[in-house]
Amino acid sequence: MKAAVLHAYDEKVERQELVTYEDWPDPRIEKPDDVIVRIGGAGVCRTDLHIIEGIWREHSPIDLPFVMGHENAGWVEEVGSGVTSVKPGDSVICHPLATNGHCLACRRGNDMHAEDSSFPGINAQGGYADFLHTNERALIKLPTSLAPKDVAPYTDAGLTAYHAAKKAARHLVPGQKVVVLGVGGLGHIGVQVLAALCGAEIIAIDRAESALKLAEAGGAHHAIKADGGEVDAVMSLTNGHGAEAVLDFVGEGDAVSKGLAMTRANGSYYVIGYGGKIEIPTIDLIVTEKSIIGNLVGTYPELVELMALADRGAVELATREYALKDTNKALHDLHLGRVPGRAVLIP
């Protein structure tokens, strides 16, 4: 098969050829519950840029050469002898993790914290290729209304946004405010999920006018340009108190300190983006009783729920398509901020 293969790290993402389009060994069925998926779409994620930069080496060591791609959807190509829920030809979306389902975390439905798992594109060969190796437990059949190339990024970008927005929606009520900090690839999904799940006023913040327009189309009630005055703007909208919830899809630079500053006393600051550091005096946490909540992708049931929202048109993912052989262009476009929504590779 063909694949876009990472052969060397590039800390500054400067090389023209970050990955090489080349022949790569076909994945094989090894266990009874294994499934080979023919890729219909593979999302290009900022995490892939961080892998290229080498940021993930300590957290998830990999051996180079390596095939990235952890946002995958397509059609079942081949199944192991024990697979009963899907068959060749079925249209499917892949939960990012392939787990055995036996550990306590899995049995509680929290596969992201499984004791034994494979994360294609992160610690196992991923979907920047013609075919992907996963297992039956990771697969969700797609309704006929959804095409693999259109929904592939939901498996991480969409699911991560849904996971965080669903947490926030549980305690947000009409009359309250929620800030979505960074409304690009993930954040524009977060805005739509919040609009679908709760009645709070949504405040979108981004540096790009195009992203703010996307957020307004998705249900944001207020759009604020991130030009240095965004904290004051939020305070003005919230009578000086801050928002009950802030979802930070940036997670680096001054977004962290500003996100915390926008969060009102007894409010919650949800960290989704990463790369920065949280520094806050402990006495400030005590006095304000603010909660800081981390978010790691999402559960299998949450991906099912997200597909239900997408099926009825409540959530729509903005995508730009690239041929697999043009993976380097997609990666550079993402790095330079040229992709509205999400980039998707199509073999």
C-alpha atoms as a PDB file:
ATOM      1  CA  MET A   1       0.000   0.000   0.000  1.00  0.00           C
ATOM      2  CA  LYS A   2       0.966   3.684  -0.150  1.00  0.00           C
ATOM      3  CA  ALA A   3       1.581   5.731   2.984  1.00  0.00           C
ATOM      4  CA  ALA A   4       2.921   9.124   4.063  1.00  0.00           C
ATOM      5  CA  VAL A   5       5.842   8.156   6.295  1.00  0.00           C
ATOM      6  CA  LEU A   6       7.706  10.185   8.930  1.00  0.00           C
ATOM      7  CA  HIS A   7      11.438   9.381   8.797  1.00  0.00           C
ATOM      8  CA  ALA A   8      12.942  12.151  10.947  1.00  0.00           C
ATOM      9  CA  TYR A   9      11.823  14.781  13.458  1.00  0.00           C
ATOM     10  CA  ASP A  10      11.858  18.486  12.591  1.00  0.00           C
ATOM     11  CA  GLU A  11      11.636  20.674  15.688  1.00  0.00           C
ATOM     12  CA  LYS A  12      10.798  23.819  13.686  1.00  0.00           C
ATOM     13  CA  VAL A  13       8.659  22.162  10.993  1.00  0.00           C
ATOM     14  CA  GLU A  14      10.917  23.681   8.345  1.00  0.00           C
ATOM     15  CA  ARG A  15      11.620  20.829   5.940  1.00  0.00           C
ATOM     16  CA  GLN A  16       9.646  20.922   2.730  1.00  0.00           C
ATOM     17  CA  GLU A  17       9.262  17.143   2.864  1.00  0.00           C
ATOM     18  CA  LEU A  18       8.148  16.386   6.413  1.00  0.00           C
ATOM     19  CA  VAL A  19       6.877  12.948   5.359  1.00  0.00           C
ATOM     20  CA  THR A  20       7.612  10.740   2.372  1.00  0.00           C
ATOM     21  CA  TYR A  21       4.905   9.283   0.135  1.00  0.00           C
ATOM     22  CA  GLU A  22       6.085   5.732  -0.437  1.00  0.00           C
ATOM     23  CA  ASP A  23       5.291   2.026  -0.485  1.00  0.00           C
ATOM     24  CA  TRP A  24       4.628   0.619   2.981  1.00  0.00           C
ATOM     25  CA  PRO A  25       3.801  -2.914   4.216  1.00  0.00           C
ATOM     26  CA  ASP A  26       0.097  -3.783   4.257  1.00  0.00           C
ATOM     27  CA  PRO A  27      -1.356  -4.343   7.755  1.00  0.00           C
ATOM     28  CA  ARG A  28      -2.339  -7.930   8.539  1.00  0.00           C
ATOM     29  CA  ILE A  29      -4.966  -9.681  10.633  1.00  0.00           C
ATOM     30  CA  GLU A  30      -3.187 -11.055  13.708  1.00  0.00           C
ATOM     31  CA  LYS A  31      -5.928 -11.638  16.296  1.00  0.00           C
ATOM     32  CA  PRO A  32      -9.540 -12.853  16.081  1.00  0.00           C
ATOM     33  CA  ASP A  33     -10.911  -9.358  16.832  1.00  0.00           C
ATOM     34  CA  ASP A  34      -8.625  -7.514  14.376  1.00  0.00           C
ATOM     35  CA  VAL A  35     -10.085  -5.418  11.564  1.00  0.00           C
ATOM     36  CA  ILE A  36      -8.395  -3.859   8.546  1.00  0.00           C
ATOM     37  CA  VAL A  37     -10.049  -0.613   7.458  1.00  0.00           C
ATOM     38  CA  ARG A  38      -9.639   0.857   3.982  1.00  0.00           C
ATOM     39  CA  ILE A  39      -9.137   4.548   4.689  1.00  0.00           C
ATOM     40  CA  GLY A  40     -11.726   6.901   3.252  1.00  0.00           C
ATOM     41  CA  GLY A  41     -10.433   9.908   5.156  1.00  0.00           C
ATOM     42  CA  ALA A  42      -7.654  10.626   7.665  1.00  0.00           C
ATOM     43  CA  GLY A  43      -7.718  13.870   9.622  1.00  0.00           C
ATOM     44  CA  VAL A  44      -4.615  16.050   9.891  1.00  0.00           C
ATOM     45  CA  CYS A  45      -4.267  17.223  13.475  1.00  0.00           C
ATOM     46  CA  ARG A  46      -2.014  19.722  15.236  1.00  0.00           C
ATOM     47  CA  THR A  47      -0.894  16.766  17.360  1.00  0.00           C
ATOM     48  CA  ASP A  48       0.690  15.395  14.164  1.00  0.00           C
ATOM     49  CA  LEU A  49       2.760  18.585  13.960  1.00  0.00           C
ATOM     50  CA  HIS A  50       3.758  18.065  17.593  1.00  0.00           C
ATOM     51  CA  ILE A  51       4.816  14.501  16.751  1.00  0.00           C
ATOM     52  CA  ILE A  52       6.969  15.867  13.917  1.00  0.00           C
ATOM     53  CA  GLU A  53       8.452  18.409  16.336  1.00  0.00           C
ATOM     54  CA  GLY A  54       9.325  15.575  18.736  1.00  0.00           C
ATOM     55  CA  ILE A  55       7.174  16.916  21.563  1.00  0.00           C
ATOM     56  CA  TRP A  56       5.519  13.513  22.088  1.00  0.00           C
ATOM     57  CA  ARG A  57       8.761  11.508  22.333  1.00  0.00           C
ATOM     58  CA  GLU A  58       8.718  11.396  26.133  1.00  0.00           C
ATOM     59  CA  HIS A  59       4.982  10.740  26.472  1.00  0.00           C
ATOM     60  CA  SER A  60       4.556   8.191  23.679  1.00  0.00           C
ATOM     61  CA  PRO A  61       7.877   6.902  22.293  1.00  0.00           C
ATOM     62  CA  ILE A  62       7.778   5.639  18.703  1.00  0.00           C
ATOM     63  CA  ASP A  63      10.281   4.049  16.366  1.00  0.00           C
ATOM     64  CA  LEU A  64      10.957   5.857  13.117  1.00  0.00           C
ATOM     65  CA  PRO A  65       9.974   5.466  10.331  1.00  0.00           C
ATOM     66  CA  PHE A  66       6.372   5.943  11.433  1.00  0.00           C
ATOM     67  CA  VAL A  67       2.944   6.473   9.872  1.00  0.00           C
ATOM     68  CA  MET A  68       0.913   9.154  11.657  1.00  0.00           C
ATOM     69  CA  GLY A  69      -2.858   9.641  11.476  1.00  0.00           C
ATOM     70  CA  HIS A  70      -5.143   9.100  14.476  1.00  0.00           C
ATOM     71  CA  GLU A  71      -8.397  10.485  12.992  1.00  0.00           C
ATOM     72  CA  ASN A  72      -9.674   7.752  10.712  1.00  0.00           C
ATOM     73  CA  ALA A  73     -12.813   6.580   8.938  1.00  0.00           C
ATOM     74  CA  GLY A  74     -13.400   4.305   5.968  1.00  0.00           C
ATOM     75  CA  TRP A  75     -14.725   0.896   4.995  1.00  0.00           C
ATOM     76  CA  VAL A  76     -14.103  -2.505   6.534  1.00  0.00           C
ATOM     77  CA  GLU A  77     -11.701  -4.386   4.256  1.00  0.00           C
ATOM     78  CA  GLU A  78     -10.971  -7.569   6.230  1.00  0.00           C
ATOM     79  CA  VAL A  79     -11.988  -9.008   9.605  1.00  0.00           C
ATOM     80  CA  GLY A  80     -10.588 -11.534  12.055  1.00  0.00           C
ATOM     81  CA  SER A  81     -12.292 -14.841  12.771  1.00  0.00           C
ATOM     82  CA  GLY A  82     -14.016 -13.547  15.921  1.00  0.00           C
ATOM     83  CA  VAL A  83     -15.501 -10.351  14.491  1.00  0.00           C
ATOM     84  CA  THR A  84     -19.310 -10.350  14.360  1.00  0.00           C
ATOM     85  CA  SER A  85     -20.504  -6.718  14.513  1.00  0.00           C
ATOM     86  CA  VAL A  86     -19.014  -5.487  11.226  1.00  0.00           C
ATOM     87  CA  LYS A  87     -18.336  -7.054   7.835  1.00  0.00           C
ATOM     88  CA  PRO A  88     -16.335  -6.137   4.729  1.00  0.00           C
ATOM     89  CA  GLY A  89     -17.844  -3.147   2.980  1.00  0.00           C
ATOM     90  CA  ASP A  90     -19.357  -1.565   6.106  1.00  0.00           C
ATOM     91  CA  SER A  91     -18.756   2.181   6.440  1.00  0.00           C
ATOM     92  CA  VAL A  92     -17.146   2.895   9.824  1.00  0.00           C
ATOM     93  CA  ILE A  93     -15.519   5.548  11.964  1.00  0.00           C
ATOM     94  CA  CYS A  94     -12.672   4.493  14.275  1.00  0.00           C
ATOM     95  CA  HIS A  95     -12.472   5.443  17.924  1.00  0.00           C
ATOM     96  CA  PRO A  96      -8.828   6.548  18.393  1.00  0.00           C
ATOM     97  CA  LEU A  97      -7.984   3.719  20.807  1.00  0.00           C
ATOM     98  CA  ALA A  98      -8.082   0.004  20.153  1.00  0.00           C
ATOM     99  CA  THR A  99      -8.443  -1.755  23.512  1.00  0.00           C
ATOM    100  CA  ASN A 100      -9.139  -5.323  24.639  1.00  0.00           C
ATOM    101  CA  GLY A 101     -12.094  -4.284  26.817  1.00  0.00           C
ATOM    102  CA  HIS A 102     -11.058  -6.372  29.834  1.00  0.00           C
ATOM    103  CA  CYS A 103      -9.506  -3.860  32.226  1.00  0.00           C
ATOM    104  CA  LEU A 104     -11.639  -1.964  34.756  1.00  0.00           C
ATOM    105  CA  ALA A 105     -11.296   1.357  32.916  1.00  0.00           C
ATOM    106  CA  CYS A 106     -12.615  -0.262  29.730  1.00  0.00           C
ATOM    107  CA  ARG A 107     -15.503  -1.903  31.553  1.00  0.00           C
ATOM    108  CA  ARG A 108     -16.420   1.532  32.914  1.00  0.00           C
ATOM    109  CA  GLY A 109     -16.433   2.835  29.345  1.00  0.00           C
ATOM    110  CA  ASN A 110     -13.288   4.912  29.798  1.00  0.00           C
ATOM    111  CA  ASP A 111     -11.058   3.368  27.139  1.00  0.00           C
ATOM    112  CA  MET A 112      -8.782   6.431  27.039  1.00  0.00           C
ATOM    113  CA  HIS A 113      -7.304   5.247  30.316  1.00  0.00           C
ATOM    114  CA  ALA A 114      -7.129   1.539  29.478  1.00  0.00           C
ATOM    115  CA  GLU A 115      -4.263  -0.463  30.921  1.00  0.00           C
ATOM    116  CA  ASP A 116      -3.581  -2.167  27.580  1.00  0.00           C
ATOM    117  CA  SER A 117      -4.285  -0.272  24.384  1.00  0.00           C
ATOM    118  CA  SER A 118      -3.065   0.693  20.938  1.00  0.00           C
ATOM    119  CA  PHE A 119      -3.401   4.270  19.696  1.00  0.00           C
ATOM    120  CA  PRO A 120      -2.944   4.180  15.902  1.00  0.00           C
ATOM    121  CA  GLY A 121      -1.097   7.268  14.732  1.00  0.00           C
ATOM    122  CA  ILE A 122       0.301   7.942  18.227  1.00  0.00           C
ATOM    123  CA  ASN A 123       1.974   4.727  19.422  1.00  0.00           C
ATOM    124  CA  ALA A 124       1.059   2.384  16.544  1.00  0.00           C
ATOM    125  CA  GLN A 125       1.018   2.785  12.768  1.00  0.00           C
ATOM    126  CA  GLY A 126      -1.779   5.150  11.773  1.00  0.00           C
ATOM    127  CA  GLY A 127      -4.086   6.174   8.967  1.00  0.00           C
ATOM    128  CA  TYR A 128      -1.908   8.309   6.673  1.00  0.00           C
ATOM    129  CA  ALA A 129      -2.121   5.290   4.379  1.00  0.00           C
ATOM    130  CA  ASP A 130      -4.408   3.176   2.223  1.00  0.00           C
ATOM    131  CA  PHE A 131      -5.245   0.796   5.092  1.00  0.00           C
ATOM    132  CA  LEU A 132      -5.362   0.845   8.903  1.00  0.00           C
ATOM    133  CA  HIS A 133      -5.037  -1.941  11.474  1.00  0.00           C
ATOM    134  CA  THR A 134      -7.476  -1.625  14.400  1.00  0.00           C
ATOM    135  CA  ASN A 135      -9.964  -3.881  16.216  1.00  0.00           C
ATOM    136  CA  GLU A 136     -13.687  -4.499  16.369  1.00  0.00           C
ATOM    137  CA  ARG A 137     -14.147  -2.718  19.701  1.00  0.00           C
ATOM    138  CA  ALA A 138     -12.962   0.580  18.186  1.00  0.00           C
ATOM    139  CA  LEU A 139     -15.445   0.687  15.305  1.00  0.00           C
ATOM    140  CA  ILE A 140     -18.767   2.488  14.973  1.00  0.00           C
ATOM    141  CA  LYS A 141     -20.942   1.928  11.909  1.00  0.00           C
ATOM    142  CA  LEU A 142     -21.776   5.137  10.078  1.00  0.00           C
ATOM    143  CA  PRO A 143     -25.302   6.088   9.050  1.00  0.00           C
ATOM    144  CA  THR A 144     -25.787   6.390   5.292  1.00  0.00           C
ATOM    145  CA  SER A 145     -25.959  10.186   5.611  1.00  0.00           C
ATOM    146  CA  LEU A 146     -22.302  10.442   6.682  1.00  0.00           C
ATOM    147  CA  ALA A 147     -19.324   9.807   4.373  1.00  0.00           C
ATOM    148  CA  PRO A 148     -15.967   8.700   5.875  1.00  0.00           C
ATOM    149  CA  LYS A 149     -14.041  11.612   4.352  1.00  0.00           C
ATOM    150  CA  ASP A 150     -16.441  14.099   5.946  1.00  0.00           C
ATOM    151  CA  VAL A 151     -16.386  12.675   9.472  1.00  0.00           C
ATOM    152  CA  ALA A 152     -12.834  11.339   9.954  1.00  0.00           C
ATOM    153  CA  PRO A 153     -11.688  14.327  12.086  1.00  0.00           C
ATOM    154  CA  TYR A 154     -14.595  13.765  14.467  1.00  0.00           C
ATOM    155  CA  THR A 155     -12.599  10.877  15.956  1.00  0.00           C
ATOM    156  CA  ASP A 156     -10.229  13.263  17.732  1.00  0.00           C
ATOM    157  CA  ALA A 157     -11.009  16.917  16.997  1.00  0.00           C
ATOM    158  CA  GLY A 158     -14.749  16.407  17.208  1.00  0.00           C
ATOM    159  CA  LEU A 159     -14.644  13.881  20.029  1.00  0.00           C
ATOM    160  CA  THR A 160     -12.258  15.953  22.149  1.00  0.00           C
ATOM    161  CA  ALA A 161     -14.432  19.032  21.682  1.00  0.00           C
ATOM    162  CA  TYR A 162     -17.567  17.028  22.483  1.00  0.00           C
ATOM    163  CA  HIS A 163     -15.969  15.464  25.575  1.00  0.00           C
ATOM    164  CA  ALA A 164     -15.086  18.870  27.034  1.00  0.00           C
ATOM    165  CA  ALA A 165     -18.277  20.652  25.967  1.00  0.00           C
ATOM    166  CA  LYS A 166     -20.441  17.870  27.382  1.00  0.00           C
ATOM    167  CA  LYS A 167     -18.686  18.203  30.757  1.00  0.00           C
ATOM    168  CA  ALA A 168     -19.295  21.946  30.756  1.00  0.00           C
ATOM    169  CA  ALA A 169     -22.899  21.637  29.538  1.00  0.00           C
ATOM    170  CA  ARG A 170     -23.770  19.522  32.583  1.00  0.00           C
ATOM    171  CA  HIS A 171     -23.547  22.578  34.846  1.00  0.00           C
ATOM    172  CA  LEU A 172     -24.340  25.437  32.450  1.00  0.00           C
ATOM    173  CA  VAL A 173     -27.861  26.873  32.490  1.00  0.00           C
ATOM    174  CA  PRO A 174     -29.635  29.692  30.620  1.00  0.00           C
ATOM    175  CA  GLY A 175     -28.434  33.086  31.792  1.00  0.00           C
ATOM    176  CA  GLN A 176     -24.868  31.907  32.282  1.00  0.00           C
ATOM    177  CA  LYS A 177     -21.870  32.480  29.993  1.00  0.00           C
ATOM    178  CA  VAL A 178     -19.331  30.105  28.476  1.00  0.00           C
ATOM    179  CA  VAL A 179     -16.183  31.203  26.661  1.00  0.00           C
ATOM    180  CA  VAL A 180     -14.681  29.156  23.827  1.00  0.00           C
ATOM    181  CA  LEU A 181     -11.078  30.273  23.502  1.00  0.00           C
ATOM    182  CA  GLY A 182      -9.806  29.377  20.021  1.00  0.00           C
ATOM    183  CA  VAL A 183     -12.593  28.480  17.592  1.00  0.00           C
ATOM    184  CA  GLY A 184     -10.592  26.886  14.791  1.00  0.00           C
ATOM    185  CA  GLY A 185     -10.296  23.169  14.038  1.00  0.00           C
ATOM    186  CA  LEU A 186     -11.553  21.916  17.421  1.00  0.00           C
ATOM    187  CA  GLY A 187     -13.181  25.005  18.833  1.00  0.00           C
ATOM    188  CA  HIS A 188     -15.758  25.437  16.080  1.00  0.00           C
ATOM    189  CA  ILE A 189     -17.050  21.968  16.965  1.00  0.00           C
ATOM    190  CA  GLY A 190     -17.079  22.882  20.653  1.00  0.00           C
ATOM    191  CA  VAL A 191     -19.275  25.886  19.889  1.00  0.00           C
ATOM    192  CA  GLN A 192     -21.800  23.725  18.018  1.00  0.00           C
ATOM    193  CA  VAL A 193     -21.878  21.081  20.747  1.00  0.00           C
ATOM    194  CA  LEU A 194     -22.473  23.709  23.429  1.00  0.00           C
ATOM    195  CA  ALA A 195     -25.266  25.193  21.332  1.00  0.00           C
ATOM    196  CA  ALA A 196     -26.843  21.729  21.032  1.00  0.00           C
ATOM    197  CA  LEU A 197     -26.478  20.691  24.680  1.00  0.00           C
ATOM    198  CA  CYS A 198     -26.998  23.778  26.843  1.00  0.00           C
ATOM    199  CA  GLY A 199     -28.716  27.157  26.989  1.00  0.00           C
ATOM    200  CA  ALA A 200     -25.781  29.285  28.132  1.00  0.00           C
ATOM    201  CA  GLU A 201     -24.594  32.273  26.080  1.00  0.00           C
ATOM    202  CA  ILE A 202     -21.533  31.319  24.033  1.00  0.00           C
ATOM    203  CA  ILE A 203     -18.632  33.756  23.679  1.00  0.00           C
ATOM    204  CA  ALA A 204     -16.194  32.861  20.882  1.00  0.00           C
ATOM    205  CA  ILE A 205     -12.637  34.246  20.901  1.00  0.00           C
ATOM    206  CA  ASP A 206     -10.050  33.912  18.145  1.00  0.00           C
ATOM    207  CA  ARG A 207      -7.401  35.915  16.298  1.00  0.00           C
ATOM    208  CA  ALA A 208      -8.853  35.031  12.881  1.00  0.00           C
ATOM    209  CA  GLU A 209     -11.972  36.738  11.556  1.00  0.00           C
ATOM    210  CA  SER A 210     -12.753  33.655   9.452  1.00  0.00           C
ATOM    211  CA  ALA A 211     -12.789  31.476  12.579  1.00  0.00           C
ATOM    212  CA  LEU A 212     -15.092  33.916  14.374  1.00  0.00           C
ATOM    213  CA  LYS A 213     -17.513  33.882  11.449  1.00  0.00           C
ATOM    214  CA  LEU A 214     -17.476  30.074  11.532  1.00  0.00           C
ATOM    215  CA  ALA A 215     -18.232  30.176  15.269  1.00  0.00           C
ATOM    216  CA  GLU A 216     -21.136  32.588  14.812  1.00  0.00           C
ATOM    217  CA  ALA A 217     -22.573  30.340  12.113  1.00  0.00           C
ATOM    218  CA  GLY A 218     -22.271  27.453  14.590  1.00  0.00           C
ATOM    219  CA  GLY A 219     -24.235  29.163  17.351  1.00  0.00           C
ATOM    220  CA  ALA A 220     -21.918  31.601  19.150  1.00  0.00           C
ATOM    221  CA  HIS A 221     -23.793  34.599  20.558  1.00  0.00           C
ATOM    222  CA  HIS A 222     -20.736  36.858  20.791  1.00  0.00           C
ATOM    223  CA  ALA A 223     -17.526  36.979  18.711  1.00  0.00           C
ATOM    224  CA  ILE A 224     -14.448  38.658  20.173  1.00  0.00           C
ATOM    225  CA  LYS A 225     -11.194  39.290  18.325  1.00  0.00           C
ATOM    226  CA  ALA A 226      -8.147  38.109  20.291  1.00  0.00           C
ATOM    227  CA  ASP A 227      -6.271  41.387  19.968  1.00  0.00           C
ATOM    228  CA  GLY A 228      -5.120  41.874  23.551  1.00  0.00           C
ATOM    229  CA  GLY A 229      -8.386  43.207  24.900  1.00  0.00           C
ATOM    230  CA  GLU A 230     -10.290  39.935  25.072  1.00  0.00           C
ATOM    231  CA  VAL A 231     -10.258  39.645  28.882  1.00  0.00           C
ATOM    232  CA  ASP A 232     -11.762  43.111  29.259  1.00  0.00           C
ATOM    233  CA  ALA A 233     -14.347  42.274  26.594  1.00  0.00           C
ATOM    234  CA  VAL A 234     -15.428  39.139  28.474  1.00  0.00           C
ATOM    235  CA  MET A 235     -15.579  41.040  31.746  1.00  0.00           C
ATOM    236  CA  SER A 236     -17.787  43.644  30.085  1.00  0.00           C
ATOM    237  CA  LEU A 237     -20.171  40.937  28.876  1.00  0.00           C
ATOM    238  CA  THR A 238     -20.289  39.292  32.319  1.00  0.00           C
ATOM    239  CA  ASN A 239     -20.707  42.397  34.525  1.00  0.00           C
ATOM    240  CA  GLY A 240     -17.126  42.109  35.696  1.00  0.00           C
ATOM    241  CA  HIS A 241     -17.452  38.579  37.057  1.00  0.00           C
ATOM    242  CA  GLY A 242     -16.137  36.363  34.274  1.00  0.00           C
ATOM    243  CA  ALA A 243     -17.727  33.333  32.636  1.00  0.00           C
ATOM    244  CA  GLU A 244     -19.033  30.274  34.477  1.00  0.00           C
ATOM    245  CA  ALA A 245     -16.972  28.096  32.116  1.00  0.00           C
ATOM    246  CA  VAL A 246     -14.006  28.667  29.800  1.00  0.00           C
ATOM    247  CA  LEU A 247     -13.040  26.032  27.239  1.00  0.00           C
ATOM    248  CA  ASP A 248      -9.428  26.687  26.196  1.00  0.00           C
ATOM    249  CA  PHE A 249      -8.684  25.088  22.821  1.00  0.00           C
ATOM    250  CA  VAL A 250      -5.369  26.966  22.599  1.00  0.00           C
ATOM    251  CA  GLY A 251      -3.559  25.941  25.790  1.00  0.00           C
ATOM    252  CA  GLU A 252      -0.341  27.826  25.126  1.00  0.00           C
ATOM    253  CA  GLY A 253       1.119  31.317  25.089  1.00  0.00           C
ATOM    254  CA  ASP A 254      -0.919  33.858  27.022  1.00  0.00           C
ATOM    255  CA  ALA A 255      -4.162  31.978  26.386  1.00  0.00           C
ATOM    256  CA  VAL A 256      -3.733  30.083  29.657  1.00  0.00           C
ATOM    257  CA  SER A 257      -3.426  33.133  31.921  1.00  0.00           C
ATOM    258  CA  LYS A 258      -6.173  34.931  30.016  1.00  0.00           C
ATOM    259  CA  GLY A 259      -8.437  31.885  30.155  1.00  0.00           C
ATOM    260  CA  LEU A 260      -8.074  31.697  33.919  1.00  0.00           C
ATOM    261  CA  ALA A 261      -8.634  35.434  34.219  1.00  0.00           C
ATOM    262  CA  MET A 262     -11.904  35.108  32.280  1.00  0.00           C
ATOM    263  CA  THR A 263     -13.159  32.351  34.597  1.00  0.00           C
ATOM    264  CA  ARG A 264     -15.388  33.639  37.379  1.00  0.00           C
ATOM    265  CA  ALA A 265     -15.176  32.568  41.015  1.00  0.00           C
ATOM    266  CA  ASN A 266     -16.483  29.012  41.442  1.00  0.00           C
ATOM    267  CA  GLY A 267     -16.233  28.613  37.661  1.00  0.00           C
ATOM    268  CA  SER A 268     -14.459  25.956  35.624  1.00  0.00           C
ATOM    269  CA  TYR A 269     -11.504  26.278  33.253  1.00  0.00           C
ATOM    270  CA  TYR A 270     -11.322  23.376  30.787  1.00  0.00           C
ATOM    271  CA  VAL A 271      -7.920  22.686  29.245  1.00  0.00           C
ATOM    272  CA  ILE A 272      -8.093  21.119  25.770  1.00  0.00           C
ATOM    273  CA  GLY A 273      -5.229  22.690  23.834  1.00  0.00           C
ATOM    274  CA  TYR A 274      -1.708  22.135  25.117  1.00  0.00           C
ATOM    275  CA  GLY A 275       1.877  23.319  24.901  1.00  0.00           C
ATOM    276  CA  GLY A 276       1.860  25.881  27.701  1.00  0.00           C
ATOM    277  CA  LYS A 277       1.945  25.791  31.509  1.00  0.00           C
ATOM    278  CA  ILE A 278      -0.593  26.607  34.185  1.00  0.00           C
ATOM    279  CA  GLU A 279       0.850  28.794  36.923  1.00  0.00           C
ATOM    280  CA  ILE A 280      -1.490  30.089  39.596  1.00  0.00           C
ATOM    281  CA  PRO A 281      -0.890  30.815  43.287  1.00  0.00           C
ATOM    282  CA  THR A 282      -2.578  28.184  45.405  1.00  0.00           C
ATOM    283  CA  ILE A 283      -4.223  30.863  47.530  1.00  0.00           C
ATOM    284  CA  ASP A 284      -5.984  32.144  44.401  1.00  0.00           C
ATOM    285  CA  LEU A 285      -7.499  28.702  43.842  1.00  0.00           C
ATOM    286  CA  ILE A 286      -8.614  28.571  47.456  1.00  0.00           C
ATOM    287  CA  VAL A 287     -10.159  32.035  47.483  1.00  0.00           C
ATOM    288  CA  THR A 288     -11.915  31.729  44.125  1.00  0.00           C
ATOM    289  CA  GLU A 289     -12.674  27.972  44.210  1.00  0.00           C
ATOM    290  CA  LYS A 290     -11.995  27.773  40.492  1.00  0.00           C
ATOM    291  CA  SER A 291     -11.750  24.297  38.976  1.00  0.00           C
ATOM    292  CA  ILE A 292      -9.104  23.394  36.382  1.00  0.00           C
ATOM    293  CA  ILE A 293     -10.138  20.367  34.318  1.00  0.00           C
ATOM    294  CA  GLY A 294      -8.061  18.422  31.815  1.00  0.00           C
ATOM    295  CA  ASN A 295      -9.626  16.739  28.778  1.00  0.00           C
ATOM    296  CA  LEU A 296      -8.236  13.780  26.813  1.00  0.00           C
ATOM    297  CA  VAL A 297     -10.174  12.875  23.636  1.00  0.00           C
ATOM    298  CA  GLY A 298     -13.405  11.108  24.708  1.00  0.00           C
ATOM    299  CA  THR A 299     -15.188   7.803  25.191  1.00  0.00           C
ATOM    300  CA  TYR A 300     -16.702   5.392  22.680  1.00  0.00           C
ATOM    301  CA  PRO A 301     -20.278   6.246  23.785  1.00  0.00           C
ATOM    302  CA  GLU A 302     -19.483   9.942  23.319  1.00  0.00           C
ATOM    303  CA  LEU A 303     -18.375   9.284  19.734  1.00  0.00           C
ATOM    304  CA  VAL A 304     -21.682   7.472  19.154  1.00  0.00           C
ATOM    305  CA  GLU A 305     -23.513  10.499  20.574  1.00  0.00           C
ATOM    306  CA  LEU A 306     -21.497  12.870  18.382  1.00  0.00           C
ATOM    307  CA  MET A 307     -22.342  10.837  15.272  1.00  0.00           C
ATOM    308  CA  ALA A 308     -26.023  11.107  16.232  1.00  0.00           C
ATOM    309  CA  LEU A 309     -25.700  14.908  16.361  1.00  0.00           C
ATOM    310  CA  ALA A 310     -23.886  14.926  13.009  1.00  0.00           C
ATOM    311  CA  ASP A 311     -26.493  12.628  11.466  1.00  0.00           C
ATOM    312  CA  ARG A 312     -29.294  15.059  12.249  1.00  0.00           C
ATOM    313  CA  GLY A 313     -27.246  18.092  11.190  1.00  0.00           C
ATOM    314  CA  ALA A 314     -26.793  19.610  14.653  1.00  0.00           C
ATOM    315  CA  VAL A 315     -23.004  19.552  14.235  1.00  0.00           C
ATOM    316  CA  GLU A 316     -21.143  20.132  10.987  1.00  0.00           C
ATOM    317  CA  LEU A 317     -17.395  19.815  10.538  1.00  0.00           C
ATOM    318  CA  ALA A 318     -15.667  22.250   8.173  1.00  0.00           C
ATOM    319  CA  THR A 319     -13.025  20.348   6.178  1.00  0.00           C
ATOM    320  CA  ARG A 320     -10.502  20.866   3.389  1.00  0.00           C
ATOM    321  CA  GLU A 321      -9.566  17.784   1.373  1.00  0.00           C
ATOM    322  CA  TYR A 322      -6.042  16.804   0.278  1.00  0.00           C
ATOM    323  CA  ALA A 323      -4.840  13.754  -1.636  1.00  0.00           C
ATOM    324  CA  LEU A 324      -2.654  11.442   0.461  1.00  0.00           C
ATOM    325  CA  LYS A 325       0.280  12.179  -1.853  1.00  0.00           C
ATOM    326  CA  ASP A 326      -0.096  15.857  -0.889  1.00  0.00           C
ATOM    327  CA  THR A 327       0.297  15.243   2.860  1.00  0.00           C
ATOM    328  CA  ASN A 328       3.255  17.647   3.088  1.00  0.00           C
ATOM    329  CA  LYS A 329       1.132  20.477   1.714  1.00  0.00           C
ATOM    330  CA  ALA A 330      -1.620  19.690   4.210  1.00  0.00           C
ATOM    331  CA  LEU A 331       0.853  19.682   7.112  1.00  0.00           C
ATOM    332  CA  HIS A 332       2.457  22.971   6.058  1.00  0.00           C
ATOM    333  CA  ASP A 333      -0.939  24.597   5.456  1.00  0.00           C
ATOM    334  CA  LEU A 334      -1.999  23.580   8.968  1.00  0.00           C
ATOM    335  CA  HIS A 335       1.275  24.827  10.459  1.00  0.00           C
ATOM    336  CA  LEU A 336       0.869  28.207   8.733  1.00  0.00           C
ATOM    337  CA  GLY A 337      -2.804  28.612   9.703  1.00  0.00           C
ATOM    338  CA  ARG A 338      -4.158  28.201   6.185  1.00  0.00           C
ATOM    339  CA  VAL A 339      -6.749  25.511   6.950  1.00  0.00           C
ATOM    340  CA  PRO A 340     -10.301  26.595   7.840  1.00  0.00           C
ATOM    341  CA  GLY A 341     -11.688  23.856  10.086  1.00  0.00           C
ATOM    342  CA  ARG A 342      -9.863  20.544   9.540  1.00  0.00           C
ATOM    343  CA  ALA A 343      -7.650  19.092   6.811  1.00  0.00           C
ATOM    344  CA  VAL A 344      -8.523  15.561   5.612  1.00  0.00           C
ATOM    345  CA  LEU A 345      -6.264  13.226   3.626  1.00  0.00           C
ATOM    346  CA  ILE A 346      -7.911  10.992   1.045  1.00  0.00           C
ATOM    347  CA  PRO A 347      -5.946   8.045  -0.423  1.00  0.00           C
END
